[in-house]
Amino acid sequence: MDPMRSQGGIQMLLSAEQEAQQIVAAARNLKLSRLKQAKDEAEKEATRYRSQLQADFQKKVSEGNSAATAKQLEQETVKKIEKLKQSSSKVQSELVDMLVKFVTTVKN
């Protein structure tokens, strides 16, 4: 074999190896860049979500402590009590009749 020819082949292999290393390094850098970008975006989203939850919590706390809410709950309770009284008065006579029937009926 011609020494010049083998020298050129080795040189070509070395340059191809260097080029491959550059391609791999560029791909690695791109991957790291994308990972960093994804991490930053995830942190921003988590911060945004956390602040939204905190705002919702503060809103509920402020609404829960107001006198208006207490008054509204009291009114709703009074309405429910009235509905229960009305429904019980409707069935009261039927219930009394049924109880009298069972008490006065003798079974053998």
PDB file of N, CA and C in Angstrom:
ATOM      1  N   MET A   1       0.811  -1.184   0.000  1.00  0.00           N
ATOM      2  CA  MET A   1       0.000   0.000   0.000  1.00  0.00           C
ATOM      3  C   MET A   1       0.857   1.250   0.000  1.00  0.00           C
ATOM      4  N   ASP A   2       0.304   2.228  -0.546  1.00  0.00           N
ATOM      5  CA  ASP A   2       0.991   3.498  -0.645  1.00  0.00           C
ATOM      6  C   ASP A   2       0.869   4.232   0.692  1.00  0.00           C
ATOM      7  N   PRO A   3       2.010   4.638   1.292  1.00  0.00           N
ATOM      8  CA  PRO A   3       1.940   5.310   2.587  1.00  0.00           C
ATOM      9  C   PRO A   3       1.177   6.638   2.526  1.00  0.00           C
ATOM     10  N   MET A   4       1.234   7.302   1.421  1.00  0.00           N
ATOM     11  CA  MET A   4       0.509   8.570   1.298  1.00  0.00           C
ATOM     12  C   MET A   4      -0.995   8.338   1.284  1.00  0.00           C
ATOM     13  N   ARG A   5      -1.353   7.244   0.644  1.00  0.00           N
ATOM     14  CA  ARG A   5      -2.765   6.920   0.534  1.00  0.00           C
ATOM     15  C   ARG A   5      -3.344   6.530   1.903  1.00  0.00           C
ATOM     16  N   SER A   6      -2.607   5.744   2.671  1.00  0.00           N
ATOM     17  CA  SER A   6      -3.082   5.351   3.999  1.00  0.00           C
ATOM     18  C   SER A   6      -3.086   6.557   4.938  1.00  0.00           C
ATOM     19  N   GLN A   7      -2.117   7.455   4.739  1.00  0.00           N
ATOM     20  CA  GLN A   7      -2.062   8.678   5.542  1.00  0.00           C
ATOM     21  C   GLN A   7      -3.320   9.520   5.283  1.00  0.00           C
ATOM     22  N   GLY A   8      -3.746   9.629   4.042  1.00  0.00           N
ATOM     23  CA  GLY A   8      -4.950  10.390   3.688  1.00  0.00           C
ATOM     24  C   GLY A   8      -6.202   9.746   4.261  1.00  0.00           C
ATOM     25  N   GLY A   9      -6.250   8.417   4.272  1.00  0.00           N
ATOM     26  CA  GLY A   9      -7.407   7.707   4.833  1.00  0.00           C
ATOM     27  C   GLY A   9      -7.516   7.927   6.330  1.00  0.00           C
ATOM     28  N   ILE A  10      -6.360   7.916   7.000  1.00  0.00           N
ATOM     29  CA  ILE A  10      -6.356   8.146   8.450  1.00  0.00           C
ATOM     30  C   ILE A  10      -6.795   9.582   8.736  1.00  0.00           C
ATOM     31  N   GLN A  11      -6.292  10.493   7.945  1.00  0.00           N
ATOM     32  CA  GLN A  11      -6.644  11.900   8.116  1.00  0.00           C
ATOM     33  C   GLN A  11      -8.149  12.103   7.911  1.00  0.00           C
ATOM     34  N   MET A  12      -8.686  11.408   6.924  1.00  0.00           N
ATOM     35  CA  MET A  12     -10.117  11.506   6.641  1.00  0.00           C
ATOM     36  C   MET A  12     -10.927  10.939   7.809  1.00  0.00           C
ATOM     37  N   LEU A  13     -10.479   9.832   8.354  1.00  0.00           N
ATOM     38  CA  LEU A  13     -11.164   9.244   9.510  1.00  0.00           C
ATOM     39  C   LEU A  13     -11.117  10.165  10.724  1.00  0.00           C
ATOM     40  N   LEU A  14      -9.987  10.795  10.950  1.00  0.00           N
ATOM     41  CA  LEU A  14      -9.853  11.721  12.071  1.00  0.00           C
ATOM     42  C   LEU A  14     -10.771  12.933  11.909  1.00  0.00           C
ATOM     43  N   SER A  15     -10.853  13.464  10.714  1.00  0.00           N
ATOM     44  CA  SER A  15     -11.729  14.625  10.494  1.00  0.00           C
ATOM     45  C   SER A  15     -13.198  14.221  10.626  1.00  0.00           C
ATOM     46  N   ALA A  16     -13.525  13.018  10.175  1.00  0.00           N
ATOM     47  CA  ALA A  16     -14.906  12.537  10.316  1.00  0.00           C
ATOM     48  C   ALA A  16     -15.243  12.344  11.789  1.00  0.00           C
ATOM     49  N   GLU A  17     -14.271  11.854  12.565  1.00  0.00           N
ATOM     50  CA  GLU A  17     -14.498  11.671  14.000  1.00  0.00           C
ATOM     51  C   GLU A  17     -14.704  13.015  14.697  1.00  0.00           C
ATOM     52  N   GLN A  18     -13.910  14.001  14.332  1.00  0.00           N
ATOM     53  CA  GLN A  18     -14.055  15.335  14.922  1.00  0.00           C
ATOM     54  C   GLN A  18     -15.419  15.932  14.575  1.00  0.00           C
ATOM     55  N   GLU A  19     -15.816  15.745  13.336  1.00  0.00           N
ATOM     56  CA  GLU A  19     -17.122  16.261  12.903  1.00  0.00           C
ATOM     57  C   GLU A  19     -18.243  15.586  13.681  1.00  0.00           C
ATOM     58  N   ALA A  20     -18.126  14.270  13.884  1.00  0.00           N
ATOM     59  CA  ALA A  20     -19.141  13.536  14.641  1.00  0.00           C
ATOM     60  C   ALA A  20     -19.184  14.024  16.083  1.00  0.00           C
ATOM     61  N   GLN A  21     -18.018  14.303  16.669  1.00  0.00           N
ATOM     62  CA  GLN A  21     -17.967  14.818  18.036  1.00  0.00           C
ATOM     63  C   GLN A  21     -18.637  16.186  18.132  1.00  0.00           C
ATOM     64  N   GLN A  22     -18.426  17.011  17.120  1.00  0.00           N
ATOM     65  CA  GLN A  22     -19.070  18.321  17.106  1.00  0.00           C
ATOM     66  C   GLN A  22     -20.590  18.194  17.008  1.00  0.00           C
ATOM     67  N   ILE A  23     -21.053  17.267  16.176  1.00  0.00           N
ATOM     68  CA  ILE A  23     -22.502  17.047  16.026  1.00  0.00           C
ATOM     69  C   ILE A  23     -23.095  16.561  17.343  1.00  0.00           C
ATOM     70  N   VAL A  24     -22.418  15.616  17.992  1.00  0.00           N
ATOM     71  CA  VAL A  24     -22.900  15.083  19.276  1.00  0.00           C
ATOM     72  C   VAL A  24     -22.915  16.181  20.335  1.00  0.00           C
ATOM     73  N   ALA A  25     -21.855  16.995  20.372  1.00  0.00           N
ATOM     74  CA  ALA A  25     -21.783  18.088  21.353  1.00  0.00           C
ATOM     75  C   ALA A  25     -22.900  19.105  21.106  1.00  0.00           C
ATOM     76  N   ALA A  26     -23.162  19.424  19.850  1.00  0.00           N
ATOM     77  CA  ALA A  26     -24.232  20.366  19.529  1.00  0.00           C
ATOM     78  C   ALA A  26     -25.589  19.803  19.940  1.00  0.00           C
ATOM     79  N   ALA A  27     -25.802  18.509  19.698  1.00  0.00           N
ATOM     80  CA  ALA A  27     -27.068  17.883  20.082  1.00  0.00           C
ATOM     81  C   ALA A  27     -27.217  17.872  21.603  1.00  0.00           C
ATOM     82  N   ARG A  28     -26.141  17.592  22.313  1.00  0.00           N
ATOM     83  CA  ARG A  28     -26.161  17.579  23.772  1.00  0.00           C
ATOM     84  C   ARG A  28     -26.485  18.971  24.310  1.00  0.00           C
ATOM     85  N   ASN A  29     -25.856  19.995  23.748  1.00  0.00           N
ATOM     86  CA  ASN A  29     -26.115  21.368  24.177  1.00  0.00           C
ATOM     87  C   ASN A  29     -27.566  21.767  23.906  1.00  0.00           C
ATOM     88  N   LEU A  30     -28.083  21.358  22.759  1.00  0.00           N
ATOM     89  CA  LEU A  30     -29.473  21.661  22.427  1.00  0.00           C
ATOM     90  C   LEU A  30     -30.423  20.977  23.414  1.00  0.00           C
ATOM     91  N   LYS A  31     -30.118  19.727  23.736  1.00  0.00           N
ATOM     92  CA  LYS A  31     -30.947  18.983  24.686  1.00  0.00           C
ATOM     93  C   LYS A  31     -30.928  19.662  26.056  1.00  0.00           C
ATOM     94  N   LEU A  32     -29.751  20.050  26.527  1.00  0.00           N
ATOM     95  CA  LEU A  32     -29.638  20.733  27.820  1.00  0.00           C
ATOM     96  C   LEU A  32     -30.397  22.066  27.804  1.00  0.00           C
ATOM     97  N   SER A  33     -30.316  22.756  26.691  1.00  0.00           N
ATOM     98  CA  SER A  33     -31.028  24.024  26.549  1.00  0.00           C
ATOM     99  C   SER A  33     -32.536  23.810  26.637  1.00  0.00           C
ATOM    100  N   ARG A  34     -33.023  22.789  25.953  1.00  0.00           N
ATOM    101  CA  ARG A  34     -34.464  22.495  25.985  1.00  0.00           C
ATOM    102  C   ARG A  34     -34.913  22.063  27.371  1.00  0.00           C
ATOM    103  N   LEU A  35     -34.086  21.260  28.051  1.00  0.00           N
ATOM    104  CA  LEU A  35     -34.423  20.842  29.415  1.00  0.00           C
ATOM    105  C   LEU A  35     -34.502  22.035  30.359  1.00  0.00           C
ATOM    106  N   LYS A  36     -33.559  22.962  30.223  1.00  0.00           N
ATOM    107  CA  LYS A  36     -33.564  24.162  31.066  1.00  0.00           C
ATOM    108  C   LYS A  36     -34.806  25.002  30.781  1.00  0.00           C
ATOM    109  N   GLN A  37     -35.143  25.135  29.507  1.00  0.00           N
ATOM    110  CA  GLN A  37     -36.328  25.901  29.130  1.00  0.00           C
ATOM    111  C   GLN A  37     -37.593  25.247  29.690  1.00  0.00           C
ATOM    112  N   ALA A  38     -37.690  23.928  29.599  1.00  0.00           N
ATOM    113  CA  ALA A  38     -38.860  23.222  30.122  1.00  0.00           C
ATOM    114  C   ALA A  38     -38.940  23.377  31.638  1.00  0.00           C
ATOM    115  N   LYS A  39     -37.807  23.315  32.307  1.00  0.00           N
ATOM    116  CA  LYS A  39     -37.777  23.483  33.762  1.00  0.00           C
ATOM    117  C   LYS A  39     -38.243  24.890  34.138  1.00  0.00           C
ATOM    118  N   ASP A  40     -37.749  25.893  33.441  1.00  0.00           N
ATOM    119  CA  ASP A  40     -38.151  27.277  33.717  1.00  0.00           C
ATOM    120  C   ASP A  40     -39.649  27.468  33.503  1.00  0.00           C
ATOM    121  N   GLU A  41     -40.173  26.919  32.424  1.00  0.00           N
ATOM    122  CA  GLU A  41     -41.609  27.036  32.150  1.00  0.00           C
ATOM    123  C   GLU A  41     -42.432  26.321  33.217  1.00  0.00           C
ATOM    124  N   ALA A  42     -41.968  25.149  33.657  1.00  0.00           N
ATOM    125  CA  ALA A  42     -42.681  24.410  34.699  1.00  0.00           C
ATOM    126  C   ALA A  42     -42.677  25.183  36.012  1.00  0.00           C
ATOM    127  N   GLU A  43     -41.561  25.809  36.343  1.00  0.00           N
ATOM    128  CA  GLU A  43     -41.488  26.619  37.560  1.00  0.00           C
ATOM    129  C   GLU A  43     -42.432  27.814  37.487  1.00  0.00           C
ATOM    130  N   LYS A  44     -42.492  28.450  36.321  1.00  0.00           N
ATOM    131  CA  LYS A  44     -43.405  29.585  36.149  1.00  0.00           C
ATOM    132  C   LYS A  44     -44.855  29.134  36.315  1.00  0.00           C
ATOM    133  N   GLU A  45     -45.188  28.002  35.704  1.00  0.00           N
ATOM    134  CA  GLU A  45     -46.551  27.478  35.786  1.00  0.00           C
ATOM    135  C   GLU A  45     -46.895  27.107  37.225  1.00  0.00           C
ATOM    136  N   ALA A  46     -45.962  26.485  37.931  1.00  0.00           N
ATOM    137  CA  ALA A  46     -46.199  26.119  39.329  1.00  0.00           C
ATOM    138  C   ALA A  46     -46.392  27.366  40.190  1.00  0.00           C
ATOM    139  N   THR A  47     -45.602  28.385  39.938  1.00  0.00           N
ATOM    140  CA  THR A  47     -45.730  29.636  40.684  1.00  0.00           C
ATOM    141  C   THR A  47     -47.084  30.289  40.402  1.00  0.00           C
ATOM    142  N   ARG A  48     -47.481  30.282  39.140  1.00  0.00           N
ATOM    143  CA  ARG A  48     -48.770  30.850  38.755  1.00  0.00           C
ATOM    144  C   ARG A  48     -49.917  30.088  39.431  1.00  0.00           C
ATOM    145  N   TYR A  49     -49.834  28.772  39.412  1.00  0.00           N
ATOM    146  CA  TYR A  49     -50.877  27.926  40.029  1.00  0.00           C
ATOM    147  C   TYR A  49     -50.926  28.152  41.542  1.00  0.00           C
ATOM    148  N   ARG A  50     -49.762  28.227  42.170  1.00  0.00           N
ATOM    149  CA  ARG A  50     -49.696  28.448  43.612  1.00  0.00           C
ATOM    150  C   ARG A  50     -50.323  29.787  43.984  1.00  0.00           C
ATOM    151  N   SER A  51     -50.018  30.819  43.210  1.00  0.00           N
ATOM    152  CA  SER A  51     -50.581  32.133  43.514  1.00  0.00           C
ATOM    153  C   SER A  51     -52.087  32.156  43.293  1.00  0.00           C
ATOM    154  N   GLN A  52     -52.576  31.422  42.294  1.00  0.00           N
ATOM    155  CA  GLN A  52     -54.024  31.333  42.067  1.00  0.00           C
ATOM    156  C   GLN A  52     -54.710  30.639  43.241  1.00  0.00           C
ATOM    157  N   LEU A  53     -54.116  29.538  43.710  1.00  0.00           N
ATOM    158  CA  LEU A  53     -54.684  28.841  44.872  1.00  0.00           C
ATOM    159  C   LEU A  53     -54.677  29.731  46.106  1.00  0.00           C
ATOM    160  N   GLN A  54     -53.611  30.467  46.294  1.00  0.00           N
ATOM    161  CA  GLN A  54     -53.522  31.370  47.438  1.00  0.00           C
ATOM    162  C   GLN A  54     -54.588  32.459  47.352  1.00  0.00           C
ATOM    163  N   ALA A  55     -54.800  32.996  46.166  1.00  0.00           N
ATOM    164  CA  ALA A  55     -55.828  34.028  45.982  1.00  0.00           C
ATOM    165  C   ALA A  55     -57.217  33.461  46.253  1.00  0.00           C
ATOM    166  N   ASP A  56     -57.485  32.258  45.762  1.00  0.00           N
ATOM    167  CA  ASP A  56     -58.777  31.620  46.018  1.00  0.00           C
ATOM    168  C   ASP A  56     -58.975  31.384  47.512  1.00  0.00           C
ATOM    169  N   PHE A  57     -57.929  30.938  48.188  1.00  0.00           N
ATOM    170  CA  PHE A  57     -58.006  30.692  49.622  1.00  0.00           C
ATOM    171  C   PHE A  57     -58.297  31.991  50.373  1.00  0.00           C
ATOM    172  N   GLN A  58     -57.578  33.047  50.030  1.00  0.00           N
ATOM    173  CA  GLN A  58     -57.791  34.335  50.695  1.00  0.00           C
ATOM    174  C   GLN A  58     -59.212  34.841  50.464  1.00  0.00           C
ATOM    175  N   LYS A  59     -59.734  34.617  49.257  1.00  0.00           N
ATOM    176  CA  LYS A  59     -61.096  35.049  48.944  1.00  0.00           C
ATOM    177  C   LYS A  59     -62.099  34.302  49.803  1.00  0.00           C
ATOM    178  N   LYS A  60     -61.911  32.978  49.919  1.00  0.00           N
ATOM    179  CA  LYS A  60     -62.828  32.177  50.724  1.00  0.00           C
ATOM    180  C   LYS A  60     -62.741  32.545  52.194  1.00  0.00           C
ATOM    181  N   VAL A  61     -61.546  32.826  52.672  1.00  0.00           N
ATOM    182  CA  VAL A  61     -61.380  33.214  54.075  1.00  0.00           C
ATOM    183  C   VAL A  61     -62.082  34.538  54.329  1.00  0.00           C
ATOM    184  N   SER A  62     -61.918  35.482  53.426  1.00  0.00           N
ATOM    185  CA  SER A  62     -62.544  36.791  53.630  1.00  0.00           C
ATOM    186  C   SER A  62     -64.063  36.700  53.525  1.00  0.00           C
ATOM    187  N   GLU A  63     -64.565  35.841  52.643  1.00  0.00           N
ATOM    188  CA  GLU A  63     -66.012  35.666  52.524  1.00  0.00           C
ATOM    189  C   GLU A  63     -66.573  34.925  53.726  1.00  0.00           C
ATOM    190  N   GLY A  64     -65.825  33.989  54.241  1.00  0.00           N
ATOM    191  CA  GLY A  64     -66.298  33.163  55.353  1.00  0.00           C
ATOM    192  C   GLY A  64     -66.422  33.927  56.648  1.00  0.00           C
ATOM    193  N   ASN A  65     -65.688  34.988  56.823  1.00  0.00           N
ATOM    194  CA  ASN A  65     -65.699  35.726  58.073  1.00  0.00           C
ATOM    195  C   ASN A  65     -66.649  36.922  58.064  1.00  0.00           C
ATOM    196  N   SER A  66     -67.326  37.148  56.985  1.00  0.00           N
ATOM    197  CA  SER A  66     -68.152  38.350  56.919  1.00  0.00           C
ATOM    198  C   SER A  66     -69.485  38.142  57.612  1.00  0.00           C
ATOM    199  N   ALA A  67     -70.021  39.216  58.099  1.00  0.00           N
ATOM    200  CA  ALA A  67     -71.312  39.174  58.785  1.00  0.00           C
ATOM    201  C   ALA A  67     -72.437  38.864  57.809  1.00  0.00           C
ATOM    202  N   ALA A  68     -72.276  39.271  56.569  1.00  0.00           N
ATOM    203  CA  ALA A  68     -73.299  39.013  55.559  1.00  0.00           C
ATOM    204  C   ALA A  68     -73.472  37.519  55.342  1.00  0.00           C
ATOM    205  N   THR A  69     -72.383  36.796  55.339  1.00  0.00           N
ATOM    206  CA  THR A  69     -72.470  35.347  55.160  1.00  0.00           C
ATOM    207  C   THR A  69     -73.189  34.711  56.330  1.00  0.00           C
ATOM    208  N   ALA A  70     -72.888  35.171  57.528  1.00  0.00           N
ATOM    209  CA  ALA A  70     -73.552  34.635  58.718  1.00  0.00           C
ATOM    210  C   ALA A  70     -75.048  34.924  58.667  1.00  0.00           C
ATOM    211  N   LYS A  71     -75.403  36.124  58.244  1.00  0.00           N
ATOM    212  CA  LYS A  71     -76.822  36.484  58.153  1.00  0.00           C
ATOM    213  C   LYS A  71     -77.520  35.633  57.102  1.00  0.00           C
ATOM    214  N   GLN A  72     -76.857  35.410  55.977  1.00  0.00           N
ATOM    215  CA  GLN A  72     -77.430  34.590  54.904  1.00  0.00           C
ATOM    216  C   GLN A  72     -77.637  33.161  55.392  1.00  0.00           C
ATOM    217  N   LEU A  73     -76.668  32.613  56.096  1.00  0.00           N
ATOM    218  CA  LEU A  73     -76.814  31.263  56.639  1.00  0.00           C
ATOM    219  C   LEU A  73     -77.964  31.184  57.635  1.00  0.00           C
ATOM    220  N   GLU A  74     -78.119  32.209  58.434  1.00  0.00           N
ATOM    221  CA  GLU A  74     -79.216  32.228  59.403  1.00  0.00           C
ATOM    222  C   GLU A  74     -80.567  32.258  58.687  1.00  0.00           C
ATOM    223  N   GLN A  75     -80.674  33.054  57.641  1.00  0.00           N
ATOM    224  CA  GLN A  75     -81.922  33.119  56.878  1.00  0.00           C
ATOM    225  C   GLN A  75     -82.229  31.775  56.214  1.00  0.00           C
ATOM    226  N   GLU A  76     -81.223  31.145  55.660  1.00  0.00           N
ATOM    227  CA  GLU A  76     -81.428  29.837  55.030  1.00  0.00           C
ATOM    228  C   GLU A  76     -81.865  28.809  56.063  1.00  0.00           C
ATOM    229  N   THR A  77     -81.299  28.872  57.242  1.00  0.00           N
ATOM    230  CA  THR A  77     -81.670  27.940  58.310  1.00  0.00           C
ATOM    231  C   THR A  77     -83.117  28.145  58.727  1.00  0.00           C
ATOM    232  N   VAL A  78     -83.528  29.384  58.867  1.00  0.00           N
ATOM    233  CA  VAL A  78     -84.914  29.679  59.246  1.00  0.00           C
ATOM    234  C   VAL A  78     -85.870  29.157  58.174  1.00  0.00           C
ATOM    235  N   LYS A  79     -85.533  29.346  56.905  1.00  0.00           N
ATOM    236  CA  LYS A  79     -86.377  28.855  55.813  1.00  0.00           C
ATOM    237  C   LYS A  79     -86.492  27.334  55.859  1.00  0.00           C
ATOM    238  N   LYS A  80     -85.387  26.670  56.107  1.00  0.00           N
ATOM    239  CA  LYS A  80     -85.418  25.203  56.176  1.00  0.00           C
ATOM    240  C   LYS A  80     -86.266  24.723  57.356  1.00  0.00           C
ATOM    241  N   ILE A  81     -86.165  25.410  58.477  1.00  0.00           N
ATOM    242  CA  ILE A  81     -86.980  25.037  59.641  1.00  0.00           C
ATOM    243  C   ILE A  81     -88.464  25.206  59.326  1.00  0.00           C
ATOM    244  N   GLU A  82     -88.812  26.285  58.662  1.00  0.00           N
ATOM    245  CA  GLU A  82     -90.212  26.512  58.288  1.00  0.00           C
ATOM    246  C   GLU A  82     -90.713  25.427  57.338  1.00  0.00           C
ATOM    247  N   LYS A  83     -89.899  25.048  56.382  1.00  0.00           N
ATOM    248  CA  LYS A  83     -90.291  23.979  55.448  1.00  0.00           C
ATOM    249  C   LYS A  83     -90.511  22.671  56.195  1.00  0.00           C
ATOM    250  N   LEU A  84     -89.632  22.373  57.150  1.00  0.00           N
ATOM    251  CA  LEU A  84     -89.795  21.149  57.938  1.00  0.00           C
ATOM    252  C   LEU A  84     -91.078  21.191  58.769  1.00  0.00           C
ATOM    253  N   LYS A  85     -91.385  22.344  59.354  1.00  0.00           N
ATOM    254  CA  LYS A  85     -92.614  22.482  60.139  1.00  0.00           C
ATOM    255  C   LYS A  85     -93.842  22.278  59.249  1.00  0.00           C
ATOM    256  N   GLN A  86     -93.810  22.848  58.051  1.00  0.00           N
ATOM    257  CA  GLN A  86     -94.936  22.713  57.135  1.00  0.00           C
ATOM    258  C   GLN A  86     -95.122  21.265  56.703  1.00  0.00           C
ATOM    259  N   SER A  87     -94.039  20.599  56.348  1.00  0.00           N
ATOM    260  CA  SER A  87     -94.164  19.212  55.903  1.00  0.00           C
ATOM    261  C   SER A  87     -94.587  18.307  57.051  1.00  0.00           C
ATOM    262  N   SER A  88     -94.139  18.592  58.268  1.00  0.00           N
ATOM    263  CA  SER A  88     -94.557  17.764  59.405  1.00  0.00           C
ATOM    264  C   SER A  88     -96.017  18.016  59.765  1.00  0.00           C
ATOM    265  N   SER A  89     -96.495  19.242  59.607  1.00  0.00           N
ATOM    266  CA  SER A  89     -97.903  19.518  59.917  1.00  0.00           C
ATOM    267  C   SER A  89     -98.831  18.840  58.910  1.00  0.00           C
ATOM    268  N   LYS A  90     -98.349  18.653  57.672  1.00  0.00           N
ATOM    269  CA  LYS A  90     -99.157  17.984  56.653  1.00  0.00           C
ATOM    270  C   LYS A  90     -99.370  16.516  56.997  1.00  0.00           C
ATOM    271  N   VAL A  91     -98.364  15.858  57.509  1.00  0.00           N
ATOM    272  CA  VAL A  91     -98.475  14.424  57.793  1.00  0.00           C
ATOM    273  C   VAL A  91     -98.823  14.142  59.253  1.00  0.00           C
ATOM    274  N   GLN A  92     -98.935  15.166  60.060  1.00  0.00           N
ATOM    275  CA  GLN A  92     -99.188  14.976  61.488  1.00  0.00           C
ATOM    276  C   GLN A  92    -100.508  14.265  61.735  1.00  0.00           C
ATOM    277  N   SER A  93    -101.570  14.699  61.082  1.00  0.00           N
ATOM    278  CA  SER A  93    -102.877  14.077  61.322  1.00  0.00           C
ATOM    279  C   SER A  93    -102.868  12.621  60.854  1.00  0.00           C
ATOM    280  N   GLU A  94    -102.241  12.354  59.742  1.00  0.00           N
ATOM    281  CA  GLU A  94    -102.146  10.982  59.251  1.00  0.00           C
ATOM    282  C   GLU A  94    -101.357  10.112  60.231  1.00  0.00           C
ATOM    283  N   LEU A  95    -100.314  10.652  60.771  1.00  0.00           N
ATOM    284  CA  LEU A  95     -99.478   9.920  61.717  1.00  0.00           C
ATOM    285  C   LEU A  95    -100.246   9.631  63.002  1.00  0.00           C
ATOM    286  N   VAL A  96    -101.003  10.610  63.495  1.00  0.00           N
ATOM    287  CA  VAL A  96    -101.798  10.408  64.714  1.00  0.00           C
ATOM    288  C   VAL A  96    -102.847   9.339  64.471  1.00  0.00           C
ATOM    289  N   ASP A  97    -103.527   9.403  63.335  1.00  0.00           N
ATOM    290  CA  ASP A  97    -104.547   8.401  63.017  1.00  0.00           C
ATOM    291  C   ASP A  97    -103.929   7.004  62.939  1.00  0.00           C
ATOM    292  N   MET A  98    -102.763   6.898  62.333  1.00  0.00           N
ATOM    293  CA  MET A  98    -102.098   5.610  62.202  1.00  0.00           C
ATOM    294  C   MET A  98    -101.698   5.070  63.583  1.00  0.00           C
ATOM    295  N   LEU A  99    -101.168   5.931  64.443  1.00  0.00           N
ATOM    296  CA  LEU A  99    -100.787   5.498  65.789  1.00  0.00           C
ATOM    297  C   LEU A  99    -102.003   5.059  66.605  1.00  0.00           C
ATOM    298  N   VAL A 100    -103.098   5.804  66.515  1.00  0.00           N
ATOM    299  CA  VAL A 100    -104.325   5.433  67.236  1.00  0.00           C
ATOM    300  C   VAL A 100    -104.824   4.101  66.744  1.00  0.00           C
ATOM    301  N   LYS A 101    -104.788   3.875  65.468  1.00  0.00           N
ATOM    302  CA  LYS A 101    -105.242   2.607  64.881  1.00  0.00           C
ATOM    303  C   LYS A 101    -104.418   1.444  65.407  1.00  0.00           C
ATOM    304  N   PHE A 102    -103.095   1.604  65.430  1.00  0.00           N
ATOM    305  CA  PHE A 102    -102.247   0.519  65.904  1.00  0.00           C
ATOM    306  C   PHE A 102    -102.413   0.279  67.409  1.00  0.00           C
ATOM    307  N   VAL A 103    -102.618   1.333  68.160  1.00  0.00           N
ATOM    308  CA  VAL A 103    -102.768   1.173  69.614  1.00  0.00           C
ATOM    309  C   VAL A 103    -104.117   0.534  69.954  1.00  0.00           C
ATOM    310  N   THR A 104    -105.162   0.883  69.233  1.00  0.00           N
ATOM    311  CA  THR A 104    -106.502   0.389  69.565  1.00  0.00           C
ATOM    312  C   THR A 104    -106.853  -0.943  68.907  1.00  0.00           C
ATOM    313  N   THR A 105    -106.067  -1.380  67.956  1.00  0.00           N
ATOM    314  CA  THR A 105    -106.360  -2.629  67.283  1.00  0.00           C
ATOM    315  C   THR A 105    -105.745  -3.783  68.084  1.00  0.00           C
ATOM    316  N   VAL A 106    -106.600  -4.781  68.366  1.00  0.00           N
ATOM    317  CA  VAL A 106    -106.130  -5.952  69.129  1.00  0.00           C
ATOM    318  C   VAL A 106    -105.957  -7.094  68.151  1.00  0.00           C
ATOM    319  N   LYS A 107    -104.793  -7.736  68.241  1.00  0.00           N
ATOM    320  CA  LYS A 107    -104.525  -8.880  67.383  1.00  0.00           C
ATOM    321  C   LYS A 107    -104.589 -10.132  68.226  1.00  0.00           C
ATOM    322  N   ASN A 108    -105.087 -11.179  67.638  1.00  0.00           N
ATOM    323  CA  ASN A 108    -105.177 -12.472  68.376  1.00  0.00           C
ATOM    324  C   ASN A 108    -103.947 -13.243  68.284  1.00  0.00           C
TER     325      ASN A 108
END
